[in-house]
Amino acid sequence: MTHGHRFHLDQDGHSISVQVGRPSDGIEVLVDGKVVAYRKGRPKGAAVLEAELPEEPPRPFRIVVEDMSGEPLCVMETSGSRFRMPQVPLWSRPDEPPARRKPSVRPLRRLRRILRRL
């Protein structure tokens, strides 16, 4: 696990992300874009982080990150259920180039007006 990995899951209206860095960086858990749990470094085997969903009353959950032969596996445990969190890329590559806008007609009109005056 030398590179960074990100896992993401939408659960009960909340966006839950887990970012796993290099072994020296650590693991952070984000709920709705806010860091709710952090662990410096990674132990060998499994790392368990506990946090709460911002509900009324707050609902606790656990994140288990396990090193499976060089690739991390991330599982969310909440209310007696386990959900495997899919890995998502740290950056997205656009599938197609951005659409080009058609050139405006106004510069051509302006150029024609200038040429008529000459």
PDB file of N, CA and C in Angstrom:
ATOM      1  N   MET A   1       0.836  -1.185   0.000  1.00  0.00           N
ATOM      2  CA  MET A   1       0.000   0.000   0.000  1.00  0.00           C
ATOM      3  C   MET A   1       0.876   1.242   0.000  1.00  0.00           C
ATOM      4  N   THR A   2       1.589   1.432  -1.061  1.00  0.00           N
ATOM      5  CA  THR A   2       2.495   2.570  -1.110  1.00  0.00           C
ATOM      6  C   THR A   2       1.810   3.827  -1.608  1.00  0.00           C
ATOM      7  N   HIS A   3       0.727   3.702  -2.352  1.00  0.00           N
ATOM      8  CA  HIS A   3       0.040   4.864  -2.877  1.00  0.00           C
ATOM      9  C   HIS A   3      -1.177   5.188  -2.018  1.00  0.00           C
ATOM     10  N   GLY A   4      -1.736   6.364  -2.232  1.00  0.00           N
ATOM     11  CA  GLY A   4      -2.938   6.735  -1.517  1.00  0.00           C
ATOM     12  C   GLY A   4      -4.161   6.068  -2.135  1.00  0.00           C
ATOM     13  N   HIS A   5      -5.153   5.808  -1.313  1.00  0.00           N
ATOM     14  CA  HIS A   5      -6.401   5.199  -1.762  1.00  0.00           C
ATOM     15  C   HIS A   5      -7.553   5.975  -1.140  1.00  0.00           C
ATOM     16  N   ARG A   6      -8.686   5.998  -1.863  1.00  0.00           N
ATOM     17  CA  ARG A   6      -9.877   6.654  -1.327  1.00  0.00           C
ATOM     18  C   ARG A   6     -11.061   5.725  -1.528  1.00  0.00           C
ATOM     19  N   PHE A   7     -11.873   5.609  -0.490  1.00  0.00           N
ATOM     20  CA  PHE A   7     -13.081   4.808  -0.528  1.00  0.00           C
ATOM     21  C   PHE A   7     -14.252   5.731  -0.255  1.00  0.00           C
ATOM     22  N   HIS A   8     -15.398   5.450  -0.896  1.00  0.00           N
ATOM     23  CA  HIS A   8     -16.542   6.346  -0.736  1.00  0.00           C
ATOM     24  C   HIS A   8     -17.832   5.539  -0.705  1.00  0.00           C
ATOM     25  N   LEU A   9     -18.781   6.001   0.134  1.00  0.00           N
ATOM     26  CA  LEU A   9     -20.082   5.360   0.250  1.00  0.00           C
ATOM     27  C   LEU A   9     -21.101   6.422   0.632  1.00  0.00           C
ATOM     28  N   ASP A  10     -22.244   6.423  -0.045  1.00  0.00           N
ATOM     29  CA  ASP A  10     -23.361   7.282   0.346  1.00  0.00           C
ATOM     30  C   ASP A  10     -24.294   6.442   1.202  1.00  0.00           C
ATOM     31  N   GLN A  11     -24.469   6.840   2.464  1.00  0.00           N
ATOM     32  CA  GLN A  11     -25.241   6.045   3.408  1.00  0.00           C
ATOM     33  C   GLN A  11     -26.230   6.931   4.153  1.00  0.00           C
ATOM     34  N   ASP A  12     -27.521   6.650   4.016  1.00  0.00           N
ATOM     35  CA  ASP A  12     -28.577   7.365   4.733  1.00  0.00           C
ATOM     36  C   ASP A  12     -28.468   8.885   4.578  1.00  0.00           C
ATOM     37  N   GLY A  13     -28.222   9.337   3.376  1.00  0.00           N
ATOM     38  CA  GLY A  13     -28.152  10.768   3.104  1.00  0.00           C
ATOM     39  C   GLY A  13     -26.834  11.421   3.488  1.00  0.00           C
ATOM     40  N   HIS A  14     -25.843  10.649   3.854  1.00  0.00           N
ATOM     41  CA  HIS A  14     -24.532  11.184   4.229  1.00  0.00           C
ATOM     42  C   HIS A  14     -23.476  10.657   3.269  1.00  0.00           C
ATOM     43  N   SER A  15     -22.510  11.499   2.976  1.00  0.00           N
ATOM     44  CA  SER A  15     -21.386  11.132   2.131  1.00  0.00           C
ATOM     45  C   SER A  15     -20.230  10.736   3.047  1.00  0.00           C
ATOM     46  N   ILE A  16     -19.808   9.479   2.967  1.00  0.00           N
ATOM     47  CA  ILE A  16     -18.754   8.979   3.842  1.00  0.00           C
ATOM     48  C   ILE A  16     -17.557   8.589   2.979  1.00  0.00           C
ATOM     49  N   SER A  17     -16.405   9.177   3.280  1.00  0.00           N
ATOM     50  CA  SER A  17     -15.177   8.900   2.542  1.00  0.00           C
ATOM     51  C   SER A  17     -14.079   8.501   3.510  1.00  0.00           C
ATOM     52  N   VAL A  18     -13.219   7.608   3.056  1.00  0.00           N
ATOM     53  CA  VAL A  18     -12.055   7.186   3.834  1.00  0.00           C
ATOM     54  C   VAL A  18     -10.846   7.366   2.937  1.00  0.00           C
ATOM     55  N   GLN A  19      -9.875   8.123   3.421  1.00  0.00           N
ATOM     56  CA  GLN A  19      -8.649   8.343   2.657  1.00  0.00           C
ATOM     57  C   GLN A  19      -7.506   7.660   3.385  1.00  0.00           C
ATOM     58  N   VAL A  20      -6.857   6.742   2.664  1.00  0.00           N
ATOM     59  CA  VAL A  20      -5.758   5.971   3.216  1.00  0.00           C
ATOM     60  C   VAL A  20      -4.498   6.407   2.495  1.00  0.00           C
ATOM     61  N   GLY A  21      -3.573   6.984   3.242  1.00  0.00           N
ATOM     62  CA  GLY A  21      -2.329   7.454   2.642  1.00  0.00           C
ATOM     63  C   GLY A  21      -1.239   6.412   2.757  1.00  0.00           C
ATOM     64  N   ARG A  22      -0.014   6.831   2.569  1.00  0.00           N
ATOM     65  CA  ARG A  22       1.123   5.938   2.767  1.00  0.00           C
ATOM     66  C   ARG A  22       1.153   5.524   4.242  1.00  0.00           C
ATOM     67  N   PRO A  23       1.882   4.470   4.566  1.00  0.00           N
ATOM     68  CA  PRO A  23       1.922   4.022   5.960  1.00  0.00           C
ATOM     69  C   PRO A  23       2.327   5.116   6.947  1.00  0.00           C
ATOM     70  N   SER A  24       3.139   6.056   6.526  1.00  0.00           N
ATOM     71  CA  SER A  24       3.542   7.133   7.433  1.00  0.00           C
ATOM     72  C   SER A  24       2.488   8.236   7.521  1.00  0.00           C
ATOM     73  N   ASP A  25       1.578   8.326   6.547  1.00  0.00           N
ATOM     74  CA  ASP A  25       0.578   9.397   6.526  1.00  0.00           C
ATOM     75  C   ASP A  25      -0.594   9.135   7.461  1.00  0.00           C
ATOM     76  N   GLY A  26      -1.214   7.996   7.341  1.00  0.00           N
ATOM     77  CA  GLY A  26      -2.332   7.678   8.205  1.00  0.00           C
ATOM     78  C   GLY A  26      -3.633   7.508   7.445  1.00  0.00           C
ATOM     79  N   ILE A  27      -4.735   7.480   8.200  1.00  0.00           N
ATOM     80  CA  ILE A  27      -6.074   7.244   7.667  1.00  0.00           C
ATOM     81  C   ILE A  27      -6.990   8.334   8.207  1.00  0.00           C
ATOM     82  N   GLU A  28      -7.845   8.881   7.339  1.00  0.00           N
ATOM     83  CA  GLU A  28      -8.835   9.840   7.818  1.00  0.00           C
ATOM     84  C   GLU A  28     -10.206   9.474   7.285  1.00  0.00           C
ATOM     85  N   VAL A  29     -11.219   9.717   8.133  1.00  0.00           N
ATOM     86  CA  VAL A  29     -12.607   9.442   7.793  1.00  0.00           C
ATOM     87  C   VAL A  29     -13.331  10.780   7.694  1.00  0.00           C
ATOM     88  N   LEU A  30     -14.035  10.996   6.576  1.00  0.00           N
ATOM     89  CA  LEU A  30     -14.784  12.229   6.367  1.00  0.00           C
ATOM     90  C   LEU A  30     -16.270  11.906   6.237  1.00  0.00           C
ATOM     91  N   VAL A  31     -17.098  12.682   6.911  1.00  0.00           N
ATOM     92  CA  VAL A  31     -18.550  12.583   6.766  1.00  0.00           C
ATOM     93  C   VAL A  31     -19.029  13.939   6.281  1.00  0.00           C
ATOM     94  N   ASP A  32     -19.668  13.949   5.131  1.00  0.00           N
ATOM     95  CA  ASP A  32     -20.156  15.183   4.510  1.00  0.00           C
ATOM     96  C   ASP A  32     -19.041  16.217   4.360  1.00  0.00           C
ATOM     97  N   GLY A  33     -17.834  15.738   4.039  1.00  0.00           N
ATOM     98  CA  GLY A  33     -16.702  16.624   3.785  1.00  0.00           C
ATOM     99  C   GLY A  33     -15.942  17.079   5.015  1.00  0.00           C
ATOM    100  N   LYS A  34     -16.342  16.639   6.210  1.00  0.00           N
ATOM    101  CA  LYS A  34     -15.654  17.044   7.436  1.00  0.00           C
ATOM    102  C   LYS A  34     -14.946  15.844   8.052  1.00  0.00           C
ATOM    103  N   VAL A  35     -13.719  16.058   8.509  1.00  0.00           N
ATOM    104  CA  VAL A  35     -12.953  14.985   9.131  1.00  0.00           C
ATOM    105  C   VAL A  35     -13.564  14.672  10.491  1.00  0.00           C
ATOM    106  N   VAL A  36     -13.959  13.415  10.694  1.00  0.00           N
ATOM    107  CA  VAL A  36     -14.569  13.008  11.962  1.00  0.00           C
ATOM    108  C   VAL A  36     -13.702  12.002  12.708  1.00  0.00           C
ATOM    109  N   ALA A  37     -12.718  11.394  12.028  1.00  0.00           N
ATOM    110  CA  ALA A  37     -11.805  10.470  12.696  1.00  0.00           C
ATOM    111  C   ALA A  37     -10.485  10.470  11.930  1.00  0.00           C
ATOM    112  N   TYR A  38      -9.396  10.307  12.682  1.00  0.00           N
ATOM    113  CA  TYR A  38      -8.075  10.303  12.081  1.00  0.00           C
ATOM    114  C   TYR A  38      -7.182   9.365  12.876  1.00  0.00           C
ATOM    115  N   ARG A  39      -6.344   8.656  12.174  1.00  0.00           N
ATOM    116  CA  ARG A  39      -5.366   7.785  12.831  1.00  0.00           C
ATOM    117  C   ARG A  39      -4.023   7.997  12.161  1.00  0.00           C
ATOM    118  N   LYS A  40      -3.030   8.354  12.941  1.00  0.00           N
ATOM    119  CA  LYS A  40      -1.679   8.575  12.429  1.00  0.00           C
ATOM    120  C   LYS A  40      -1.024   7.229  12.191  1.00  0.00           C
ATOM    121  N   GLY A  41      -0.492   7.029  11.006  1.00  0.00           N
ATOM    122  CA  GLY A  41       0.159   5.774  10.674  1.00  0.00           C
ATOM    123  C   GLY A  41      -0.864   4.653  10.503  1.00  0.00           C
ATOM    124  N   ARG A  42      -0.355   3.475  10.114  1.00  0.00           N
ATOM    125  CA  ARG A  42      -1.233   2.317   9.964  1.00  0.00           C
ATOM    126  C   ARG A  42      -0.575   1.114  10.613  1.00  0.00           C
ATOM    127  N   PRO A  43      -1.315   0.406  11.457  1.00  0.00           N
ATOM    128  CA  PRO A  43      -0.743  -0.804  12.030  1.00  0.00           C
ATOM    129  C   PRO A  43      -0.771  -1.933  11.007  1.00  0.00           C
ATOM    130  N   LYS A  44       0.008  -2.975  11.240  1.00  0.00           N
ATOM    131  CA  LYS A  44      -0.044  -4.147  10.361  1.00  0.00           C
ATOM    132  C   LYS A  44      -1.361  -4.857  10.642  1.00  0.00           C
ATOM    133  N   GLY A  45      -1.986  -5.356   9.598  1.00  0.00           N
ATOM    134  CA  GLY A  45      -3.273  -6.028   9.778  1.00  0.00           C
ATOM    135  C   GLY A  45      -4.417  -5.045   9.591  1.00  0.00           C
ATOM    136  N   ALA A  46      -5.285  -4.952  10.573  1.00  0.00           N
ATOM    137  CA  ALA A  46      -6.482  -4.109  10.448  1.00  0.00           C
ATOM    138  C   ALA A  46      -6.381  -2.879  11.342  1.00  0.00           C
ATOM    139  N   ALA A  47      -6.933  -1.774  10.844  1.00  0.00           N
ATOM    140  CA  ALA A  47      -7.042  -0.536  11.615  1.00  0.00           C
ATOM    141  C   ALA A  47      -8.523  -0.239  11.790  1.00  0.00           C
ATOM    142  N   VAL A  48      -8.945   0.096  13.001  1.00  0.00           N
ATOM    143  CA  VAL A  48     -10.348   0.379  13.295  1.00  0.00           C
ATOM    144  C   VAL A  48     -10.461   1.831  13.734  1.00  0.00           C
ATOM    145  N   LEU A  49     -11.359   2.577  13.076  1.00  0.00           N
ATOM    146  CA  LEU A  49     -11.633   3.959  13.449  1.00  0.00           C
ATOM    147  C   LEU A  49     -13.113   4.067  13.786  1.00  0.00           C
ATOM    148  N   GLU A  50     -13.435   4.789  14.840  1.00  0.00           N
ATOM    149  CA  GLU A  50     -14.823   4.963  15.254  1.00  0.00           C
ATOM    150  C   GLU A  50     -15.216   6.425  15.127  1.00  0.00           C
ATOM    151  N   ALA A  51     -16.457   6.652  14.683  1.00  0.00           N
ATOM    152  CA  ALA A  51     -16.970   8.012  14.506  1.00  0.00           C
ATOM    153  C   ALA A  51     -18.489   7.972  14.653  1.00  0.00           C
ATOM    154  N   GLU A  52     -19.128   9.122  14.431  1.00  0.00           N
ATOM    155  CA  GLU A  52     -20.583   9.219  14.530  1.00  0.00           C
ATOM    156  C   GLU A  52     -21.135   9.969  13.335  1.00  0.00           C
ATOM    157  N   LEU A  53     -22.324   9.547  12.891  1.00  0.00           N
ATOM    158  CA  LEU A  53     -23.037  10.283  11.850  1.00  0.00           C
ATOM    159  C   LEU A  53     -23.765  11.443  12.507  1.00  0.00           C
ATOM    160  N   PRO A  54     -23.744  12.624  11.891  1.00  0.00           N
ATOM    161  CA  PRO A  54     -24.375  13.800  12.499  1.00  0.00           C
ATOM    162  C   PRO A  54     -25.901  13.761  12.366  1.00  0.00           C
ATOM    163  N   GLU A  55     -26.521  12.957  13.190  1.00  0.00           N
ATOM    164  CA  GLU A  55     -27.979  12.849  13.205  1.00  0.00           C
ATOM    165  C   GLU A  55     -28.458  13.146  14.611  1.00  0.00           C
ATOM    166  N   GLU A  56     -29.742  13.117  14.802  1.00  0.00           N
ATOM    167  CA  GLU A  56     -30.317  13.343  16.122  1.00  0.00           C
ATOM    168  C   GLU A  56     -31.049  12.091  16.542  1.00  0.00           C
ATOM    169  N   PRO A  57     -30.593  11.277  17.423  1.00  0.00           N
ATOM    170  CA  PRO A  57     -29.310  11.319  18.124  1.00  0.00           C
ATOM    171  C   PRO A  57     -28.182  10.835  17.216  1.00  0.00           C
ATOM    172  N   PRO A  58     -26.937  11.199  17.532  1.00  0.00           N
ATOM    173  CA  PRO A  58     -25.808  10.768  16.714  1.00  0.00           C
ATOM    174  C   PRO A  58     -25.736   9.238  16.652  1.00  0.00           C
ATOM    175  N   ARG A  59     -25.442   8.718  15.456  1.00  0.00           N
ATOM    176  CA  ARG A  59     -25.378   7.267  15.267  1.00  0.00           C
ATOM    177  C   ARG A  59     -23.924   6.862  15.071  1.00  0.00           C
ATOM    178  N   PRO A  60     -23.401   6.009  15.964  1.00  0.00           N
ATOM    179  CA  PRO A  60     -21.997   5.598  15.839  1.00  0.00           C
ATOM    180  C   PRO A  60     -21.808   4.610  14.690  1.00  0.00           C
ATOM    181  N   PHE A  61     -20.607   4.630  14.126  1.00  0.00           N
ATOM    182  CA  PHE A  61     -20.215   3.656  13.118  1.00  0.00           C
ATOM    183  C   PHE A  61     -18.726   3.402  13.230  1.00  0.00           C
ATOM    184  N   ARG A  62     -18.289   2.292  12.647  1.00  0.00           N
ATOM    185  CA  ARG A  62     -16.876   1.922  12.657  1.00  0.00           C
ATOM    186  C   ARG A  62     -16.399   1.725  11.234  1.00  0.00           C
ATOM    187  N   ILE A  63     -15.157   2.083  11.013  1.00  0.00           N
ATOM    188  CA  ILE A  63     -14.494   1.843   9.733  1.00  0.00           C
ATOM    189  C   ILE A  63     -13.341   0.880  10.007  1.00  0.00           C
ATOM    190  N   VAL A  64     -13.297  -0.201   9.249  1.00  0.00           N
ATOM    191  CA  VAL A  64     -12.214  -1.174   9.370  1.00  0.00           C
ATOM    192  C   VAL A  64     -11.441  -1.156   8.053  1.00  0.00           C
ATOM    193  N   VAL A  65     -10.152  -0.838   8.136  1.00  0.00           N
ATOM    194  CA  VAL A  65      -9.277  -0.824   6.961  1.00  0.00           C
ATOM    195  C   VAL A  65      -8.271  -1.955   7.148  1.00  0.00           C
ATOM    196  N   GLU A  66      -8.257  -2.867   6.188  1.00  0.00           N
ATOM    197  CA  GLU A  66      -7.395  -4.032   6.284  1.00  0.00           C
ATOM    198  C   GLU A  66      -6.493  -4.103   5.063  1.00  0.00           C
ATOM    199  N   ASP A  67      -5.235  -4.465   5.275  1.00  0.00           N
ATOM    200  CA  ASP A  67      -4.278  -4.596   4.178  1.00  0.00           C
ATOM    201  C   ASP A  67      -4.386  -6.009   3.628  1.00  0.00           C
ATOM    202  N   MET A  68      -4.928  -6.111   2.420  1.00  0.00           N
ATOM    203  CA  MET A  68      -5.108  -7.417   1.782  1.00  0.00           C
ATOM    204  C   MET A  68      -4.092  -7.557   0.652  1.00  0.00           C
ATOM    205  N   SER A  69      -2.959  -8.131   0.927  1.00  0.00           N
ATOM    206  CA  SER A  69      -1.886  -8.376  -0.050  1.00  0.00           C
ATOM    207  C   SER A  69      -1.538  -7.134  -0.873  1.00  0.00           C
ATOM    208  N   GLY A  70      -1.304  -6.030  -0.203  1.00  0.00           N
ATOM    209  CA  GLY A  70      -0.874  -4.810  -0.882  1.00  0.00           C
ATOM    210  C   GLY A  70      -1.990  -3.860  -1.248  1.00  0.00           C
ATOM    211  N   GLU A  71      -3.219  -4.307  -1.296  1.00  0.00           N
ATOM    212  CA  GLU A  71      -4.369  -3.444  -1.593  1.00  0.00           C
ATOM    213  C   GLU A  71      -5.254  -3.355  -0.356  1.00  0.00           C
ATOM    214  N   PRO A  72      -5.639  -2.146   0.047  1.00  0.00           N
ATOM    215  CA  PRO A  72      -6.488  -2.030   1.236  1.00  0.00           C
ATOM    216  C   PRO A  72      -7.925  -2.432   0.939  1.00  0.00           C
ATOM    217  N   LEU A  73      -8.595  -2.931   1.965  1.00  0.00           N
ATOM    218  CA  LEU A  73     -10.007  -3.264   1.924  1.00  0.00           C
ATOM    219  C   LEU A  73     -10.670  -2.442   3.014  1.00  0.00           C
ATOM    220  N   CYS A  74     -11.760  -1.775   2.685  1.00  0.00           N
ATOM    221  CA  CYS A  74     -12.402  -0.879   3.635  1.00  0.00           C
ATOM    222  C   CYS A  74     -13.856  -1.312   3.835  1.00  0.00           C
ATOM    223  N   VAL A  75     -14.265  -1.446   5.107  1.00  0.00           N
ATOM    224  CA  VAL A  75     -15.613  -1.877   5.457  1.00  0.00           C
ATOM    225  C   VAL A  75     -16.180  -0.917   6.494  1.00  0.00           C
ATOM    226  N   MET A  76     -17.451  -0.542   6.300  1.00  0.00           N
ATOM    227  CA  MET A  76     -18.151   0.298   7.279  1.00  0.00           C
ATOM    228  C   MET A  76     -19.131  -0.574   8.048  1.00  0.00           C
ATOM    229  N   GLU A  77     -19.101  -0.474   9.376  1.00  0.00           N
ATOM    230  CA  GLU A  77     -20.017  -1.221  10.223  1.00  0.00           C
ATOM    231  C   GLU A  77     -20.903  -0.231  10.969  1.00  0.00           C
ATOM    232  N   THR A  78     -22.232  -0.397  10.821  1.00  0.00           N
ATOM    233  CA  THR A  78     -23.166   0.469  11.511  1.00  0.00           C
ATOM    234  C   THR A  78     -24.463  -0.277  11.769  1.00  0.00           C
ATOM    235  N   SER A  79     -25.018  -0.117  12.938  1.00  0.00           N
ATOM    236  CA  SER A  79     -26.303  -0.709  13.320  1.00  0.00           C
ATOM    237  C   SER A  79     -26.369  -2.205  13.028  1.00  0.00           C
ATOM    238  N   GLY A  80     -25.286  -2.913  13.267  1.00  0.00           N
ATOM    239  CA  GLY A  80     -25.261  -4.351  13.053  1.00  0.00           C
ATOM    240  C   GLY A  80     -25.099  -4.778  11.605  1.00  0.00           C
ATOM    241  N   SER A  81     -24.904  -3.838  10.676  1.00  0.00           N
ATOM    242  CA  SER A  81     -24.722  -4.158   9.261  1.00  0.00           C
ATOM    243  C   SER A  81     -23.305  -3.803   8.838  1.00  0.00           C
ATOM    244  N   ARG A  82     -22.826  -4.529   7.833  1.00  0.00           N
ATOM    245  CA  ARG A  82     -21.497  -4.254   7.281  1.00  0.00           C
ATOM    246  C   ARG A  82     -21.650  -3.899   5.810  1.00  0.00           C
ATOM    247  N   PHE A  83     -20.955  -2.849   5.385  1.00  0.00           N
ATOM    248  CA  PHE A  83     -20.994  -2.393   4.003  1.00  0.00           C
ATOM    249  C   PHE A  83     -19.565  -2.275   3.496  1.00  0.00           C
ATOM    250  N   ARG A  84     -19.277  -2.951   2.388  1.00  0.00           N
ATOM    251  CA  ARG A  84     -17.957  -2.811   1.773  1.00  0.00           C
ATOM    252  C   ARG A  84     -17.937  -1.490   1.025  1.00  0.00           C
ATOM    253  N   MET A  85     -16.924  -0.695   1.274  1.00  0.00           N
ATOM    254  CA  MET A  85     -16.816   0.607   0.637  1.00  0.00           C
ATOM    255  C   MET A  85     -16.012   0.471  -0.647  1.00  0.00           C
ATOM    256  N   PRO A  86     -16.586   0.885  -1.782  1.00  0.00           N
ATOM    257  CA  PRO A  86     -15.847   0.774  -3.044  1.00  0.00           C
ATOM    258  C   PRO A  86     -14.729   1.816  -3.130  1.00  0.00           C
ATOM    259  N   GLN A  87     -13.662   1.418  -3.785  1.00  0.00           N
ATOM    260  CA  GLN A  87     -12.537   2.327  -3.977  1.00  0.00           C
ATOM    261  C   GLN A  87     -12.829   3.228  -5.162  1.00  0.00           C
ATOM    262  N   VAL A  88     -12.531   4.506  -5.015  1.00  0.00           N
ATOM    263  CA  VAL A  88     -12.718   5.479  -6.086  1.00  0.00           C
ATOM    264  C   VAL A  88     -11.383   6.148  -6.356  1.00  0.00           C
ATOM    265  N   PRO A  89     -11.171   6.631  -7.582  1.00  0.00           N
ATOM    266  CA  PRO A  89      -9.884   7.264  -7.888  1.00  0.00           C
ATOM    267  C   PRO A  89      -9.686   8.549  -7.103  1.00  0.00           C
ATOM    268  N   LEU A  90      -8.435   8.852  -6.791  1.00  0.00           N
ATOM    269  CA  LEU A  90      -8.109  10.092  -6.097  1.00  0.00           C
ATOM    270  C   LEU A  90      -8.289  11.303  -6.990  1.00  0.00           C
ATOM    271  N   TRP A  91      -8.259  11.113  -8.293  1.00  0.00           N
ATOM    272  CA  TRP A  91      -8.479  12.192  -9.251  1.00  0.00           C
ATOM    273  C   TRP A  91      -9.251  11.601 -10.395  1.00  0.00           C
ATOM    274  N   SER A  92      -9.971  12.439 -11.099  1.00  0.00           N
ATOM    275  CA  SER A  92     -10.761  11.937 -12.218  1.00  0.00           C
ATOM    276  C   SER A  92     -10.156  12.420 -13.527  1.00  0.00           C
ATOM    277  N   ARG A  93     -10.165  11.556 -14.496  1.00  0.00           N
ATOM    278  CA  ARG A  93      -9.672  11.890 -15.819  1.00  0.00           C
ATOM    279  C   ARG A  93     -10.894  12.147 -16.696  1.00  0.00           C
ATOM    280  N   PRO A  94     -10.975  13.293 -17.324  1.00  0.00           N
ATOM    281  CA  PRO A  94     -12.142  13.544 -18.168  1.00  0.00           C
ATOM    282  C   PRO A  94     -12.178  12.565 -19.326  1.00  0.00           C
ATOM    283  N   ASP A  95     -13.346  12.009 -19.600  1.00  0.00           N
ATOM    284  CA  ASP A  95     -13.494  11.044 -20.684  1.00  0.00           C
ATOM    285  C   ASP A  95     -13.413  11.705 -22.053  1.00  0.00           C
ATOM    286  N   GLU A  96     -13.828  12.923 -22.115  1.00  0.00           N
ATOM    287  CA  GLU A  96     -13.815  13.619 -23.394  1.00  0.00           C
ATOM    288  C   GLU A  96     -13.317  15.044 -23.182  1.00  0.00           C
ATOM    289  N   PRO A  97     -12.747  15.631 -24.191  1.00  0.00           N
ATOM    290  CA  PRO A  97     -12.265  17.007 -24.027  1.00  0.00           C
ATOM    291  C   PRO A  97     -13.440  17.951 -23.811  1.00  0.00           C
ATOM    292  N   PRO A  98     -13.193  19.073 -23.162  1.00  0.00           N
ATOM    293  CA  PRO A  98     -14.287  20.019 -22.944  1.00  0.00           C
ATOM    294  C   PRO A  98     -14.847  20.520 -24.272  1.00  0.00           C
ATOM    295  N   ALA A  99     -16.135  20.721 -24.263  1.00  0.00           N
ATOM    296  CA  ALA A  99     -16.797  21.175 -25.490  1.00  0.00           C
ATOM    297  C   ALA A  99     -16.333  22.592 -25.828  1.00  0.00           C
ATOM    298  N   ARG A 100     -16.052  22.806 -27.108  1.00  0.00           N
ATOM    299  CA  ARG A 100     -15.633  24.141 -27.544  1.00  0.00           C
ATOM    300  C   ARG A 100     -16.867  24.942 -27.911  1.00  0.00           C
ATOM    301  N   ARG A 101     -16.825  26.193 -27.531  1.00  0.00           N
ATOM    302  CA  ARG A 101     -17.937  27.071 -27.877  1.00  0.00           C
ATOM    303  C   ARG A 101     -17.779  27.530 -29.314  1.00  0.00           C
ATOM    304  N   LYS A 102     -18.905  27.728 -29.962  1.00  0.00           N
ATOM    305  CA  LYS A 102     -18.868  28.256 -31.320  1.00  0.00           C
ATOM    306  C   LYS A 102     -18.401  29.694 -31.264  1.00  0.00           C
ATOM    307  N   PRO A 103     -17.616  30.107 -32.233  1.00  0.00           N
ATOM    308  CA  PRO A 103     -17.171  31.501 -32.217  1.00  0.00           C
ATOM    309  C   PRO A 103     -18.371  32.434 -32.359  1.00  0.00           C
ATOM    310  N   SER A 104     -18.278  33.513 -31.677  1.00  0.00           N
ATOM    311  CA  SER A 104     -19.358  34.486 -31.712  1.00  0.00           C
ATOM    312  C   SER A 104     -19.423  35.173 -33.085  1.00  0.00           C
ATOM    313  N   VAL A 105     -20.624  35.511 -33.495  1.00  0.00           N
ATOM    314  CA  VAL A 105     -20.817  36.180 -34.787  1.00  0.00           C
ATOM    315  C   VAL A 105     -20.482  37.662 -34.678  1.00  0.00           C
ATOM    316  N   ARG A 106     -20.574  38.205 -33.506  1.00  0.00           N
ATOM    317  CA  ARG A 106     -20.371  39.651 -33.341  1.00  0.00           C
ATOM    318  C   ARG A 106     -19.005  40.151 -33.808  1.00  0.00           C
ATOM    319  N   PRO A 107     -17.895  39.443 -33.534  1.00  0.00           N
ATOM    320  CA  PRO A 107     -16.621  39.960 -34.051  1.00  0.00           C
ATOM    321  C   PRO A 107     -16.603  40.052 -35.580  1.00  0.00           C
ATOM    322  N   LEU A 108     -17.275  39.112 -36.242  1.00  0.00           N
ATOM    323  CA  LEU A 108     -17.327  39.176 -37.701  1.00  0.00           C
ATOM    324  C   LEU A 108     -18.130  40.387 -38.166  1.00  0.00           C
ATOM    325  N   ARG A 109     -19.235  40.661 -37.522  1.00  0.00           N
ATOM    326  CA  ARG A 109     -20.042  41.843 -37.877  1.00  0.00           C
ATOM    327  C   ARG A 109     -19.229  43.119 -37.689  1.00  0.00           C
ATOM    328  N   ARG A 110     -18.525  43.156 -36.583  1.00  0.00           N
ATOM    329  CA  ARG A 110     -17.727  44.345 -36.306  1.00  0.00           C
ATOM    330  C   ARG A 110     -16.652  44.534 -37.371  1.00  0.00           C
ATOM    331  N   LEU A 111     -16.011  43.435 -37.771  1.00  0.00           N
ATOM    332  CA  LEU A 111     -14.979  43.507 -38.804  1.00  0.00           C
ATOM    333  C   LEU A 111     -15.579  43.967 -40.138  1.00  0.00           C
ATOM    334  N   ARG A 112     -16.758  43.473 -40.487  1.00  0.00           N
ATOM    335  CA  ARG A 112     -17.419  43.899 -41.724  1.00  0.00           C
ATOM    336  C   ARG A 112     -17.741  45.389 -41.707  1.00  0.00           C
ATOM    337  N   ARG A 113     -18.205  45.876 -40.564  1.00  0.00           N
ATOM    338  CA  ARG A 113     -18.514  47.316 -40.452  1.00  0.00           C
ATOM    339  C   ARG A 113     -17.257  48.154 -40.659  1.00  0.00           C
ATOM    340  N   ILE A 114     -16.157  47.708 -40.074  1.00  0.00           N
ATOM    341  CA  ILE A 114     -14.904  48.444 -40.228  1.00  0.00           C
ATOM    342  C   ILE A 114     -14.467  48.459 -41.699  1.00  0.00           C
ATOM    343  N   LEU A 115     -14.587  47.297 -42.355  1.00  0.00           N
ATOM    344  CA  LEU A 115     -14.175  47.207 -43.757  1.00  0.00           C
ATOM    345  C   LEU A 115     -15.069  48.053 -44.677  1.00  0.00           C
ATOM    346  N   ARG A 116     -16.360  48.176 -44.359  1.00  0.00           N
ATOM    347  CA  ARG A 116     -17.274  48.988 -45.168  1.00  0.00           C
ATOM    348  C   ARG A 116     -16.884  50.466 -45.110  1.00  0.00           C
ATOM    349  N   ARG A 117     -16.390  50.888 -43.954  1.00  0.00           N
ATOM    350  CA  ARG A 117     -16.040  52.303 -43.806  1.00  0.00           C
ATOM    351  C   ARG A 117     -14.783  52.666 -44.567  1.00  0.00           C
ATOM    352  N   LEU A 118     -14.010  51.706 -44.940  1.00  0.00           N
ATOM    353  CA  LEU A 118     -12.760  52.009 -45.654  1.00  0.00           C
ATOM    354  C   LEU A 118     -12.973  52.316 -47.095  1.00  0.00           C
TER     355      LEU A 118
END
